[in-house]
Structure formats: structure tokens, C-alpha cells
Amino acid sequence: MAISQDTWKHNVRAVGFLKVTERAAIESARWLGRGDNHSADQAAVDAMRAELGAMPITGTVVIGEGQKDEAPELYVAVRGTGDHLYVGMGGSTEGVITAAALECLGAEIQAKMWPRHEADLAKMAEFDMHDASTVYGTRDLAPDPLYVIATGVTDGNLLKGVRYFADGARTHSIVMDLVGNTVRFVDTVHLLSPAIIREIHL
């Protein structure tokens, strides 16, 4: 089977980004049940920074958890086919991630800012957003996504959470690839110690 160089590079990047979310999930899941959200978030951020730093890429993180608490909320209407409709309000970070995922699936999201107070309006102005009634579409929120990749930390409807075993962990992830037109579920066993692994729980 022959694979073009562009396809190979694209797939290698997807695997690289998958390692970022897997490592973040593994490190943050260690804090479950301890009542310390800050340390869990910090563990995830440190892990992501280390993995991104090891990739042969340059770029800027344009939206992330650090901005979440200071950003105005989004009022979101997700329009699908038939009777599939979701209307609600949530954080702007989640809205952008949702838009990227829906773009990969060929679906649509419409949203507008929902400023709660003057500080929210000032934050919008910093991003040259002056009209709270403007409706943003999928491509406005996520102009050109290539992948949407997520790894479960705890069990949910879509992904299983991290499971640890002696000297290792198992993760469950989703990789949405807009270029390859695929949605993959990836089940990975991570051997975290150079010692001989005598037992793996699958």
C-alpha cells in the first residue's frame, strides 16, 4: 500500500496531538477524588506543554482553559437534521471546541455572545467584538479545524476514563479528522515504566 508524503505527515501530526490529550488525561486523572481541581488542571497543562514542546511544530494557543473564567458565555443553538436540536448556554471555550467537532462531522452550530456584565463587554471589545447580538456560525467559531481530539479522564457517554494498572495506564480517545473524513476511537495501553510489565488489565 502506498501512502503519499502529505497523507503520512497528516497522520503523524494526528498521532502527535493524540499523545498530548492522552498524557494530559493520565496526569490529571491522578487527582480524581482529592478535591483539588487546580492541581488536576495544572497537571494536565504541564503534560500538554511537555508533549506539545516535543512536537516539530510552532504555533500559538488561541483559546484554552486559562481564559474560561474570564470570558463571556455563549448562547448556543446547534442545528442538525430532522429533530436534532440543542439550545443552551455555556462557556466560550466549550463553544469553540464544539464548533470544531461539528465542522468535522459536517454539522452546524450557531452562537452569540451572552455578556453578563460590563467586564464581559470589555473582554469582548479586546477581541474586536462590539455587538452582542451578532450570530456566529460554525466557521466563525472554528475557521479551519484539522482535528478534534479528546481523551476521557472519567467515564462518560462517549469515552471511558483513564484506567491505571501496575506501571501503566489505559486511555480511550476520539480523533476527528476533517481532512481524512474519519472519526476514530482509539484505545491505548501506556507502559509508563521501563520495568518488565507482568500484568496488564484489558
N, C-alpha and C. Protein backbone atom coordinates (compact mmCIF):
# COMPACT_ATOMS: atom_id res chain seq x y z
N MET A 1 0.84 -1.17 0.00
CA MET A 1 0.00 0.00 0.00
C MET A 1 0.89 1.24 0.00
N ALA A 2 0.64 2.15 -0.90
CA ALA A 2 1.42 3.38 -1.00
C ALA A 2 0.69 4.53 -0.30
N ILE A 3 1.42 5.31 0.47
CA ILE A 3 0.85 6.46 1.18
C ILE A 3 1.64 7.69 0.76
N SER A 4 0.92 8.74 0.34
CA SER A 4 1.61 9.95 -0.09
C SER A 4 2.28 10.61 1.11
N GLN A 5 3.30 11.43 0.82
CA GLN A 5 4.03 12.11 1.89
C GLN A 5 3.12 13.04 2.68
N ASP A 6 2.22 13.73 1.97
CA ASP A 6 1.30 14.64 2.67
C ASP A 6 0.38 13.87 3.61
N THR A 7 -0.14 12.73 3.13
CA THR A 7 -1.01 11.90 3.98
C THR A 7 -0.25 11.39 5.18
N TRP A 8 1.00 10.96 4.96
CA TRP A 8 1.81 10.45 6.05
C TRP A 8 2.05 11.53 7.10
N LYS A 9 2.41 12.73 6.66
CA LYS A 9 2.65 13.84 7.59
C LYS A 9 1.38 14.17 8.36
N HIS A 10 0.24 14.16 7.67
CA HIS A 10 -1.04 14.46 8.31
C HIS A 10 -1.33 13.45 9.41
N ASN A 11 -1.13 12.17 9.11
CA ASN A 11 -1.40 11.13 10.09
C ASN A 11 -0.43 11.18 11.27
N VAL A 12 0.83 11.51 10.99
CA VAL A 12 1.82 11.64 12.06
C VAL A 12 1.43 12.78 13.00
N ARG A 13 0.95 13.90 12.44
CA ARG A 13 0.51 15.01 13.28
C ARG A 13 -0.66 14.59 14.16
N ALA A 14 -1.60 13.84 13.61
CA ALA A 14 -2.76 13.39 14.39
C ALA A 14 -2.31 12.55 15.57
N VAL A 15 -1.36 11.65 15.35
CA VAL A 15 -0.84 10.81 16.43
C VAL A 15 -0.12 11.68 17.47
N GLY A 16 0.62 12.68 17.02
CA GLY A 16 1.31 13.58 17.94
C GLY A 16 0.34 14.32 18.84
N PHE A 17 -0.72 14.85 18.25
CA PHE A 17 -1.72 15.57 19.05
C PHE A 17 -2.49 14.62 19.96
N LEU A 18 -2.70 13.39 19.52
CA LEU A 18 -3.35 12.40 20.38
C LEU A 18 -2.53 12.16 21.64
N LYS A 19 -1.21 12.10 21.49
CA LYS A 19 -0.34 11.90 22.65
C LYS A 19 -0.49 13.05 23.65
N VAL A 20 -0.77 14.25 23.15
CA VAL A 20 -0.95 15.40 24.03
C VAL A 20 -2.16 15.20 24.94
N THR A 21 -3.30 14.82 24.36
CA THR A 21 -4.51 14.65 25.18
C THR A 21 -4.41 13.41 26.07
N GLU A 22 -3.76 12.36 25.58
CA GLU A 22 -3.61 11.15 26.39
C GLU A 22 -2.78 11.45 27.63
N ARG A 23 -1.65 12.13 27.45
CA ARG A 23 -0.77 12.43 28.58
C ARG A 23 -1.47 13.36 29.58
N ALA A 24 -2.23 14.33 29.07
CA ALA A 24 -2.95 15.24 29.95
C ALA A 24 -3.99 14.49 30.77
N ALA A 25 -4.69 13.56 30.14
CA ALA A 25 -5.70 12.77 30.85
C ALA A 25 -5.06 11.90 31.93
N ILE A 26 -3.96 11.25 31.58
CA ILE A 26 -3.28 10.37 32.54
C ILE A 26 -2.81 11.15 33.77
N GLU A 27 -2.23 12.32 33.54
CA GLU A 27 -1.69 13.09 34.66
C GLU A 27 -2.79 13.73 35.50
N SER A 28 -3.85 14.22 34.86
CA SER A 28 -4.91 14.88 35.64
C SER A 28 -5.79 13.87 36.37
N ALA A 29 -5.96 12.67 35.80
CA ALA A 29 -6.82 11.67 36.44
C ALA A 29 -6.26 11.21 37.78
N ARG A 30 -4.97 11.39 38.00
CA ARG A 30 -4.37 11.02 39.28
C ARG A 30 -4.94 11.86 40.44
N TRP A 31 -5.55 12.99 40.10
CA TRP A 31 -6.07 13.89 41.12
C TRP A 31 -7.56 13.67 41.40
N LEU A 32 -8.17 12.70 40.74
CA LEU A 32 -9.59 12.45 40.95
C LEU A 32 -9.87 12.10 42.41
N GLY A 33 -10.94 12.67 42.93
CA GLY A 33 -11.36 12.36 44.30
C GLY A 33 -10.59 13.08 45.37
N ARG A 34 -9.66 13.95 45.02
CA ARG A 34 -8.86 14.65 46.02
C ARG A 34 -9.40 16.04 46.35
N GLY A 35 -10.39 16.47 45.59
CA GLY A 35 -10.97 17.79 45.85
C GLY A 35 -10.04 18.94 45.52
N ASP A 36 -9.15 18.73 44.56
CA ASP A 36 -8.17 19.77 44.21
C ASP A 36 -8.18 19.98 42.70
N ASN A 37 -9.18 20.71 42.23
CA ASN A 37 -9.32 20.95 40.78
C ASN A 37 -8.14 21.70 40.21
N HIS A 38 -7.59 22.62 40.99
CA HIS A 38 -6.47 23.41 40.49
C HIS A 38 -5.27 22.53 40.16
N SER A 39 -4.95 21.60 41.06
CA SER A 39 -3.80 20.72 40.81
C SER A 39 -4.06 19.78 39.63
N ALA A 40 -5.32 19.35 39.49
CA ALA A 40 -5.67 18.48 38.35
C ALA A 40 -5.50 19.25 37.04
N ASP A 41 -5.98 20.49 37.01
CA ASP A 41 -5.82 21.32 35.81
C ASP A 41 -4.34 21.59 35.52
N GLN A 42 -3.58 21.89 36.57
CA GLN A 42 -2.16 22.18 36.39
C GLN A 42 -1.41 20.97 35.86
N ALA A 43 -1.76 19.79 36.37
CA ALA A 43 -1.12 18.56 35.89
C ALA A 43 -1.40 18.35 34.41
N ALA A 44 -2.63 18.64 34.00
CA ALA A 44 -2.99 18.50 32.59
C ALA A 44 -2.24 19.51 31.73
N VAL A 45 -2.18 20.75 32.18
CA VAL A 45 -1.48 21.81 31.44
C VAL A 45 0.00 21.49 31.30
N ASP A 46 0.63 21.07 32.40
CA ASP A 46 2.06 20.74 32.35
C ASP A 46 2.33 19.60 31.38
N ALA A 47 1.45 18.59 31.40
CA ALA A 47 1.62 17.44 30.49
C ALA A 47 1.45 17.86 29.04
N MET A 48 0.43 18.70 28.77
CA MET A 48 0.21 19.17 27.40
C MET A 48 1.38 20.00 26.90
N ARG A 49 1.87 20.88 27.78
CA ARG A 49 3.00 21.73 27.39
C ARG A 49 4.23 20.89 27.03
N ALA A 50 4.48 19.85 27.83
CA ALA A 50 5.64 18.99 27.57
C ALA A 50 5.49 18.24 26.25
N GLU A 51 4.31 17.71 25.99
CA GLU A 51 4.10 16.95 24.75
C GLU A 51 4.11 17.86 23.53
N LEU A 52 3.48 19.03 23.64
CA LEU A 52 3.50 19.97 22.52
C LEU A 52 4.91 20.46 22.24
N GLY A 53 5.70 20.64 23.31
CA GLY A 53 7.07 21.09 23.14
C GLY A 53 7.95 20.08 22.44
N ALA A 54 7.54 18.81 22.50
CA ALA A 54 8.33 17.76 21.85
C ALA A 54 7.95 17.58 20.37
N MET A 55 6.88 18.24 19.94
CA MET A 55 6.43 18.10 18.55
C MET A 55 7.17 19.11 17.66
N PRO A 56 7.43 18.73 16.40
CA PRO A 56 8.13 19.64 15.47
C PRO A 56 7.17 20.65 14.86
N ILE A 57 6.56 21.48 15.72
CA ILE A 57 5.58 22.46 15.26
C ILE A 57 5.85 23.79 15.95
N THR A 58 5.31 24.85 15.39
CA THR A 58 5.28 26.15 16.04
C THR A 58 3.86 26.67 15.95
N GLY A 59 3.47 27.46 16.90
CA GLY A 59 2.11 27.99 16.87
C GLY A 59 1.77 28.68 18.17
N THR A 60 0.53 29.12 18.25
CA THR A 60 0.03 29.84 19.41
C THR A 60 -1.29 29.22 19.85
N VAL A 61 -1.44 28.98 21.13
CA VAL A 61 -2.72 28.53 21.67
C VAL A 61 -3.63 29.74 21.72
N VAL A 62 -4.73 29.70 20.97
CA VAL A 62 -5.58 30.88 20.87
C VAL A 62 -6.78 30.84 21.79
N ILE A 63 -7.11 29.68 22.32
CA ILE A 63 -8.18 29.59 23.30
C ILE A 63 -7.89 28.41 24.19
N GLY A 64 -8.14 28.57 25.47
CA GLY A 64 -7.85 27.48 26.39
C GLY A 64 -8.49 27.71 27.73
N GLU A 65 -8.30 26.76 28.63
CA GLU A 65 -8.94 26.80 29.94
C GLU A 65 -8.58 28.06 30.72
N GLY A 66 -7.38 28.60 30.49
CA GLY A 66 -6.97 29.76 31.26
C GLY A 66 -7.86 30.97 31.05
N GLN A 67 -8.51 31.04 29.90
CA GLN A 67 -9.39 32.18 29.62
C GLN A 67 -10.83 31.92 30.03
N LYS A 68 -11.13 30.68 30.40
CA LYS A 68 -12.51 30.27 30.57
C LYS A 68 -13.28 31.13 31.57
N ASP A 69 -12.70 31.35 32.74
CA ASP A 69 -13.43 32.04 33.79
C ASP A 69 -13.58 33.53 33.52
N GLU A 70 -12.82 34.06 32.58
CA GLU A 70 -12.88 35.50 32.31
C GLU A 70 -13.64 35.81 31.03
N ALA A 71 -14.09 34.78 30.30
CA ALA A 71 -14.71 35.01 29.00
C ALA A 71 -16.22 35.04 29.12
N PRO A 72 -16.89 35.89 28.32
CA PRO A 72 -18.35 35.90 28.31
C PRO A 72 -18.87 34.55 27.83
N GLU A 73 -20.04 34.20 28.30
CA GLU A 73 -20.61 32.92 27.89
C GLU A 73 -21.21 33.02 26.50
N LEU A 74 -21.38 31.85 25.89
CA LEU A 74 -22.00 31.76 24.57
C LEU A 74 -23.41 31.19 24.74
N TYR A 75 -24.35 31.79 24.02
CA TYR A 75 -25.67 31.21 23.91
C TYR A 75 -25.67 30.42 22.62
N VAL A 76 -25.88 29.12 22.71
CA VAL A 76 -25.62 28.24 21.59
C VAL A 76 -26.90 27.58 21.10
N ALA A 77 -27.05 27.54 19.79
CA ALA A 77 -28.11 26.73 19.17
C ALA A 77 -27.44 25.83 18.15
N VAL A 78 -27.47 24.54 18.39
CA VAL A 78 -26.86 23.57 17.49
C VAL A 78 -27.97 23.01 16.61
N ARG A 79 -27.86 23.21 15.29
CA ARG A 79 -28.92 22.75 14.38
C ARG A 79 -28.42 21.59 13.56
N GLY A 80 -29.08 20.45 13.70
CA GLY A 80 -28.74 19.27 12.91
C GLY A 80 -29.83 18.96 11.92
N THR A 81 -30.01 17.69 11.57
CA THR A 81 -31.04 17.30 10.63
C THR A 81 -32.25 16.78 11.39
N GLY A 82 -33.41 16.84 10.76
CA GLY A 82 -34.62 16.31 11.40
C GLY A 82 -34.92 17.07 12.68
N ASP A 83 -35.07 16.34 13.76
CA ASP A 83 -35.44 16.92 15.04
C ASP A 83 -34.26 17.14 15.97
N HIS A 84 -33.03 17.01 15.48
CA HIS A 84 -31.86 17.15 16.34
C HIS A 84 -31.57 18.63 16.57
N LEU A 85 -31.84 19.09 17.77
CA LEU A 85 -31.63 20.49 18.10
C LEU A 85 -31.25 20.59 19.57
N TYR A 86 -30.23 21.39 19.85
CA TYR A 86 -29.85 21.65 21.23
C TYR A 86 -29.72 23.15 21.39
N VAL A 87 -30.35 23.67 22.43
CA VAL A 87 -30.25 25.09 22.73
C VAL A 87 -29.80 25.22 24.17
N GLY A 88 -28.79 26.03 24.40
CA GLY A 88 -28.32 26.19 25.77
C GLY A 88 -27.28 27.28 25.87
N MET A 89 -26.71 27.43 27.07
CA MET A 89 -25.70 28.45 27.30
C MET A 89 -24.51 27.78 27.97
N GLY A 90 -23.30 28.17 27.55
CA GLY A 90 -22.10 27.59 28.13
C GLY A 90 -20.90 28.47 27.90
N GLY A 91 -19.76 28.00 28.33
CA GLY A 91 -18.53 28.76 28.20
C GLY A 91 -18.08 28.89 26.76
N SER A 92 -17.39 29.98 26.47
CA SER A 92 -16.93 30.22 25.10
C SER A 92 -15.89 29.18 24.67
N THR A 93 -15.07 28.70 25.61
CA THR A 93 -14.09 27.67 25.26
C THR A 93 -14.78 26.43 24.74
N GLU A 94 -15.80 25.97 25.48
CA GLU A 94 -16.54 24.79 25.07
C GLU A 94 -17.26 25.01 23.74
N GLY A 95 -17.73 26.24 23.51
CA GLY A 95 -18.42 26.55 22.26
C GLY A 95 -17.51 26.41 21.06
N VAL A 96 -16.26 26.86 21.20
CA VAL A 96 -15.30 26.76 20.09
C VAL A 96 -14.95 25.30 19.83
N ILE A 97 -14.73 24.53 20.89
CA ILE A 97 -14.41 23.11 20.73
C ILE A 97 -15.58 22.38 20.08
N THR A 98 -16.80 22.69 20.52
CA THR A 98 -17.99 22.08 19.92
C THR A 98 -18.10 22.43 18.45
N ALA A 99 -17.83 23.69 18.10
CA ALA A 99 -17.89 24.10 16.70
C ALA A 99 -16.89 23.32 15.85
N ALA A 100 -15.68 23.13 16.36
CA ALA A 100 -14.66 22.37 15.62
C ALA A 100 -15.11 20.93 15.41
N ALA A 101 -15.69 20.32 16.45
CA ALA A 101 -16.16 18.94 16.33
C ALA A 101 -17.30 18.85 15.32
N LEU A 102 -18.22 19.79 15.37
CA LEU A 102 -19.35 19.76 14.44
C LEU A 102 -18.89 20.00 13.00
N GLU A 103 -17.88 20.83 12.83
CA GLU A 103 -17.31 21.04 11.49
C GLU A 103 -16.76 19.73 10.95
N CYS A 104 -16.09 18.96 11.79
CA CYS A 104 -15.55 17.67 11.37
C CYS A 104 -16.66 16.70 10.99
N LEU A 105 -17.83 16.86 11.59
CA LEU A 105 -18.95 15.95 11.32
C LEU A 105 -19.89 16.48 10.24
N GLY A 106 -19.58 17.66 9.70
CA GLY A 106 -20.43 18.24 8.67
C GLY A 106 -21.72 18.82 9.23
N ALA A 107 -21.72 19.18 10.52
CA ALA A 107 -22.91 19.74 11.16
C ALA A 107 -22.72 21.24 11.38
N GLU A 108 -23.67 21.85 12.05
CA GLU A 108 -23.65 23.30 12.19
C GLU A 108 -23.93 23.72 13.62
N ILE A 109 -23.34 24.82 14.02
CA ILE A 109 -23.63 25.45 15.30
C ILE A 109 -23.80 26.94 15.05
N GLN A 110 -24.75 27.54 15.75
CA GLN A 110 -24.90 28.99 15.72
C GLN A 110 -24.85 29.48 17.15
N ALA A 111 -24.16 30.57 17.37
CA ALA A 111 -23.99 31.07 18.73
C ALA A 111 -23.86 32.57 18.73
N LYS A 112 -24.18 33.16 19.86
CA LYS A 112 -23.90 34.58 20.05
C LYS A 112 -23.41 34.78 21.47
N MET A 113 -22.68 35.84 21.68
CA MET A 113 -22.13 36.13 22.99
C MET A 113 -23.27 36.51 23.94
N TRP A 114 -23.09 36.15 25.20
CA TRP A 114 -24.11 36.44 26.20
C TRP A 114 -23.43 37.12 27.39
N PRO A 115 -23.03 38.39 27.20
CA PRO A 115 -22.30 39.08 28.26
C PRO A 115 -23.16 39.24 29.51
N ARG A 116 -22.57 38.98 30.67
CA ARG A 116 -23.30 39.03 31.93
C ARG A 116 -23.17 40.38 32.62
N HIS A 117 -22.11 41.11 32.30
CA HIS A 117 -21.86 42.39 32.97
C HIS A 117 -20.87 43.20 32.12
N GLU A 118 -20.55 44.39 32.61
CA GLU A 118 -19.67 45.29 31.85
C GLU A 118 -18.29 44.68 31.60
N ALA A 119 -17.80 43.90 32.55
CA ALA A 119 -16.49 43.28 32.37
C ALA A 119 -16.50 42.33 31.17
N ASP A 120 -17.62 41.63 30.95
CA ASP A 120 -17.74 40.76 29.78
C ASP A 120 -17.71 41.57 28.49
N LEU A 121 -18.41 42.71 28.48
CA LEU A 121 -18.40 43.58 27.30
C LEU A 121 -16.99 44.10 27.02
N ALA A 122 -16.25 44.42 28.07
CA ALA A 122 -14.87 44.89 27.89
C ALA A 122 -14.00 43.77 27.33
N LYS A 123 -14.21 42.54 27.80
CA LYS A 123 -13.43 41.40 27.29
C LYS A 123 -13.75 41.17 25.82
N MET A 124 -15.02 41.31 25.42
CA MET A 124 -15.40 41.17 24.02
C MET A 124 -14.71 42.23 23.17
N ALA A 125 -14.66 43.44 23.67
CA ALA A 125 -14.05 44.54 22.92
C ALA A 125 -12.57 44.29 22.65
N GLU A 126 -11.90 43.58 23.58
CA GLU A 126 -10.50 43.25 23.37
C GLU A 126 -10.30 42.39 22.13
N PHE A 127 -11.33 41.63 21.77
CA PHE A 127 -11.28 40.77 20.59
C PHE A 127 -12.05 41.36 19.42
N ASP A 128 -12.27 42.70 19.48
CA ASP A 128 -12.96 43.43 18.41
C ASP A 128 -14.38 42.90 18.19
N MET A 129 -15.03 42.52 19.27
CA MET A 129 -16.43 42.07 19.23
C MET A 129 -17.25 43.11 19.97
N HIS A 130 -18.02 43.91 19.21
CA HIS A 130 -18.72 45.05 19.82
C HIS A 130 -20.23 44.89 19.84
N ASP A 131 -20.75 43.91 19.15
CA ASP A 131 -22.20 43.74 19.05
C ASP A 131 -22.59 42.37 19.61
N ALA A 132 -23.22 42.36 20.79
CA ALA A 132 -23.58 41.10 21.45
C ALA A 132 -24.68 40.36 20.70
N SER A 133 -25.34 41.02 19.75
CA SER A 133 -26.42 40.34 19.02
C SER A 133 -25.91 39.60 17.78
N THR A 134 -24.62 39.73 17.45
CA THR A 134 -24.05 39.05 16.29
C THR A 134 -24.16 37.54 16.46
N VAL A 135 -24.64 36.86 15.42
CA VAL A 135 -24.74 35.41 15.44
C VAL A 135 -23.53 34.84 14.71
N TYR A 136 -22.79 33.95 15.39
CA TYR A 136 -21.60 33.33 14.84
C TYR A 136 -21.92 31.92 14.39
N GLY A 137 -21.46 31.57 13.18
CA GLY A 137 -21.66 30.23 12.66
C GLY A 137 -20.47 29.34 12.97
N THR A 138 -20.57 28.11 12.49
CA THR A 138 -19.53 27.12 12.75
C THR A 138 -18.15 27.61 12.34
N ARG A 139 -18.05 28.14 11.12
CA ARG A 139 -16.75 28.58 10.61
C ARG A 139 -16.27 29.87 11.26
N ASP A 140 -17.17 30.65 11.84
CA ASP A 140 -16.75 31.84 12.59
C ASP A 140 -16.04 31.42 13.88
N LEU A 141 -16.56 30.39 14.51
CA LEU A 141 -16.01 29.93 15.78
C LEU A 141 -14.77 29.05 15.60
N ALA A 142 -14.76 28.25 14.55
CA ALA A 142 -13.63 27.34 14.28
C ALA A 142 -13.33 27.44 12.79
N PRO A 143 -12.54 28.44 12.38
CA PRO A 143 -12.34 28.73 10.96
C PRO A 143 -11.75 27.59 10.14
N ASP A 144 -10.81 26.85 10.69
CA ASP A 144 -10.14 25.86 9.85
C ASP A 144 -9.60 24.69 10.68
N PRO A 145 -10.51 23.94 11.32
CA PRO A 145 -10.01 22.84 12.14
C PRO A 145 -9.50 21.69 11.27
N LEU A 146 -8.44 21.03 11.72
CA LEU A 146 -7.97 19.82 11.05
C LEU A 146 -8.37 18.59 11.85
N TYR A 147 -8.23 18.69 13.18
CA TYR A 147 -8.56 17.58 14.04
C TYR A 147 -9.31 18.09 15.26
N VAL A 148 -10.12 17.23 15.82
CA VAL A 148 -10.63 17.41 17.17
C VAL A 148 -10.29 16.12 17.90
N ILE A 149 -9.50 16.24 18.96
CA ILE A 149 -9.02 15.06 19.67
C ILE A 149 -9.32 15.23 21.15
N ALA A 150 -9.91 14.21 21.74
CA ALA A 150 -10.22 14.24 23.17
C ALA A 150 -9.93 12.87 23.77
N THR A 151 -9.48 12.88 25.01
CA THR A 151 -9.22 11.65 25.76
C THR A 151 -10.00 11.71 27.06
N GLY A 152 -10.71 10.63 27.39
CA GLY A 152 -11.52 10.60 28.60
C GLY A 152 -10.66 10.62 29.85
N VAL A 153 -11.10 11.37 30.85
CA VAL A 153 -10.47 11.36 32.16
C VAL A 153 -11.32 10.50 33.10
N THR A 154 -12.63 10.74 33.10
CA THR A 154 -13.58 9.90 33.83
C THR A 154 -14.54 9.28 32.82
N ASP A 155 -15.27 8.25 33.22
CA ASP A 155 -16.21 7.60 32.31
C ASP A 155 -17.34 8.55 31.93
N GLY A 156 -17.67 8.57 30.65
CA GLY A 156 -18.79 9.37 30.17
C GLY A 156 -19.56 8.60 29.13
N ASN A 157 -20.52 9.27 28.48
CA ASN A 157 -21.32 8.61 27.46
C ASN A 157 -20.52 8.29 26.20
N LEU A 158 -19.51 9.08 25.91
CA LEU A 158 -18.73 8.92 24.69
C LEU A 158 -17.42 8.19 24.91
N LEU A 159 -16.72 8.52 25.98
CA LEU A 159 -15.39 7.98 26.23
C LEU A 159 -15.29 7.37 27.63
N LYS A 160 -14.45 6.35 27.75
CA LYS A 160 -14.14 5.78 29.05
C LYS A 160 -13.02 6.60 29.68
N GLY A 161 -12.97 6.57 31.00
CA GLY A 161 -11.94 7.29 31.71
C GLY A 161 -10.62 6.52 31.76
N VAL A 162 -9.60 7.16 32.32
CA VAL A 162 -8.28 6.54 32.47
C VAL A 162 -8.38 5.38 33.45
N ARG A 163 -7.73 4.28 33.09
CA ARG A 163 -7.63 3.13 33.99
C ARG A 163 -6.16 2.83 34.21
N TYR A 164 -5.77 2.76 35.48
CA TYR A 164 -4.38 2.51 35.82
C TYR A 164 -4.17 1.04 36.14
N PHE A 165 -3.00 0.55 35.85
CA PHE A 165 -2.56 -0.77 36.30
C PHE A 165 -1.10 -0.62 36.72
N ALA A 166 -0.52 -1.66 37.25
CA ALA A 166 0.86 -1.57 37.72
C ALA A 166 1.78 -1.09 36.60
N ASP A 167 2.42 0.05 36.80
CA ASP A 167 3.38 0.61 35.85
C ASP A 167 2.77 1.02 34.52
N GLY A 168 1.48 1.31 34.50
CA GLY A 168 0.90 1.73 33.23
C GLY A 168 -0.51 2.26 33.37
N ALA A 169 -1.08 2.63 32.24
CA ALA A 169 -2.44 3.14 32.20
C ALA A 169 -3.06 2.82 30.84
N ARG A 170 -4.38 2.87 30.80
CA ARG A 170 -5.11 2.64 29.55
C ARG A 170 -6.03 3.83 29.32
N THR A 171 -6.02 4.36 28.11
CA THR A 171 -6.84 5.52 27.79
C THR A 171 -7.77 5.23 26.62
N HIS A 172 -8.84 6.00 26.54
CA HIS A 172 -9.82 5.89 25.46
C HIS A 172 -10.03 7.28 24.87
N SER A 173 -9.81 7.42 23.56
CA SER A 173 -9.83 8.73 22.92
C SER A 173 -10.67 8.71 21.66
N ILE A 174 -11.01 9.92 21.20
CA ILE A 174 -11.67 10.09 19.91
C ILE A 174 -10.82 11.04 19.08
N VAL A 175 -10.63 10.70 17.81
CA VAL A 175 -9.86 11.54 16.88
C VAL A 175 -10.76 11.82 15.68
N MET A 176 -11.21 13.07 15.57
CA MET A 176 -11.99 13.51 14.41
C MET A 176 -11.04 14.19 13.44
N ASP A 177 -11.02 13.72 12.22
CA ASP A 177 -10.06 14.17 11.21
C ASP A 177 -10.83 14.76 10.04
N LEU A 178 -10.80 16.08 9.91
CA LEU A 178 -11.55 16.74 8.85
C LEU A 178 -10.98 16.45 7.47
N VAL A 179 -9.65 16.37 7.37
CA VAL A 179 -9.01 16.11 6.08
C VAL A 179 -9.25 14.67 5.63
N GLY A 180 -9.11 13.74 6.56
CA GLY A 180 -9.29 12.33 6.22
C GLY A 180 -10.73 11.87 6.25
N ASN A 181 -11.65 12.76 6.69
CA ASN A 181 -13.07 12.43 6.80
C ASN A 181 -13.30 11.17 7.62
N THR A 182 -12.64 11.10 8.78
CA THR A 182 -12.78 9.94 9.64
C THR A 182 -13.03 10.37 11.08
N VAL A 183 -13.68 9.48 11.82
CA VAL A 183 -13.82 9.61 13.27
C VAL A 183 -13.35 8.28 13.84
N ARG A 184 -12.25 8.33 14.59
CA ARG A 184 -11.67 7.11 15.14
C ARG A 184 -11.78 7.12 16.66
N PHE A 185 -12.05 5.93 17.22
CA PHE A 185 -11.96 5.73 18.65
C PHE A 185 -10.69 4.94 18.90
N VAL A 186 -9.83 5.47 19.77
CA VAL A 186 -8.51 4.88 19.97
C VAL A 186 -8.39 4.40 21.42
N ASP A 187 -8.09 3.14 21.57
CA ASP A 187 -7.90 2.50 22.87
C ASP A 187 -6.40 2.23 23.01
N THR A 188 -5.74 2.89 23.97
CA THR A 188 -4.28 2.83 24.06
C THR A 188 -3.82 2.32 25.42
N VAL A 189 -2.87 1.41 25.42
CA VAL A 189 -2.21 0.97 26.65
C VAL A 189 -0.86 1.67 26.72
N HIS A 190 -0.61 2.38 27.82
CA HIS A 190 0.62 3.14 28.02
C HIS A 190 1.49 2.41 29.05
N LEU A 191 2.68 2.04 28.65
CA LEU A 191 3.62 1.41 29.57
C LEU A 191 4.50 2.52 30.14
N LEU A 192 4.25 2.90 31.39
CA LEU A 192 4.85 4.09 31.98
C LEU A 192 6.16 3.82 32.71
N SER A 193 6.57 2.58 32.75
CA SER A 193 7.80 2.24 33.45
C SER A 193 8.68 1.38 32.55
N PRO A 194 10.01 1.58 32.61
CA PRO A 194 10.89 0.74 31.80
C PRO A 194 11.00 -0.69 32.35
N ALA A 195 10.43 -0.92 33.54
CA ALA A 195 10.49 -2.26 34.13
C ALA A 195 9.64 -3.24 33.32
N ILE A 196 9.89 -4.51 33.47
CA ILE A 196 9.12 -5.54 32.78
C ILE A 196 7.69 -5.52 33.30
N ILE A 197 6.72 -5.45 32.39
CA ILE A 197 5.31 -5.45 32.77
C ILE A 197 4.85 -6.89 32.89
N ARG A 198 4.40 -7.26 34.06
CA ARG A 198 3.99 -8.64 34.29
C ARG A 198 2.49 -8.84 34.15
N GLU A 199 1.73 -7.74 34.20
CA GLU A 199 0.29 -7.88 34.15
C GLU A 199 -0.34 -6.61 33.56
N ILE A 200 -1.22 -6.78 32.59
CA ILE A 200 -1.98 -5.66 32.01
C ILE A 200 -3.44 -6.04 32.02
N HIS A 201 -4.27 -5.19 32.62
CA HIS A 201 -5.71 -5.44 32.65
C HIS A 201 -6.36 -4.80 31.43
N LEU A 202 -6.87 -5.61 30.52
CA LEU A 202 -7.55 -5.10 29.33
C LEU A 202 -9.04 -5.11 29.57
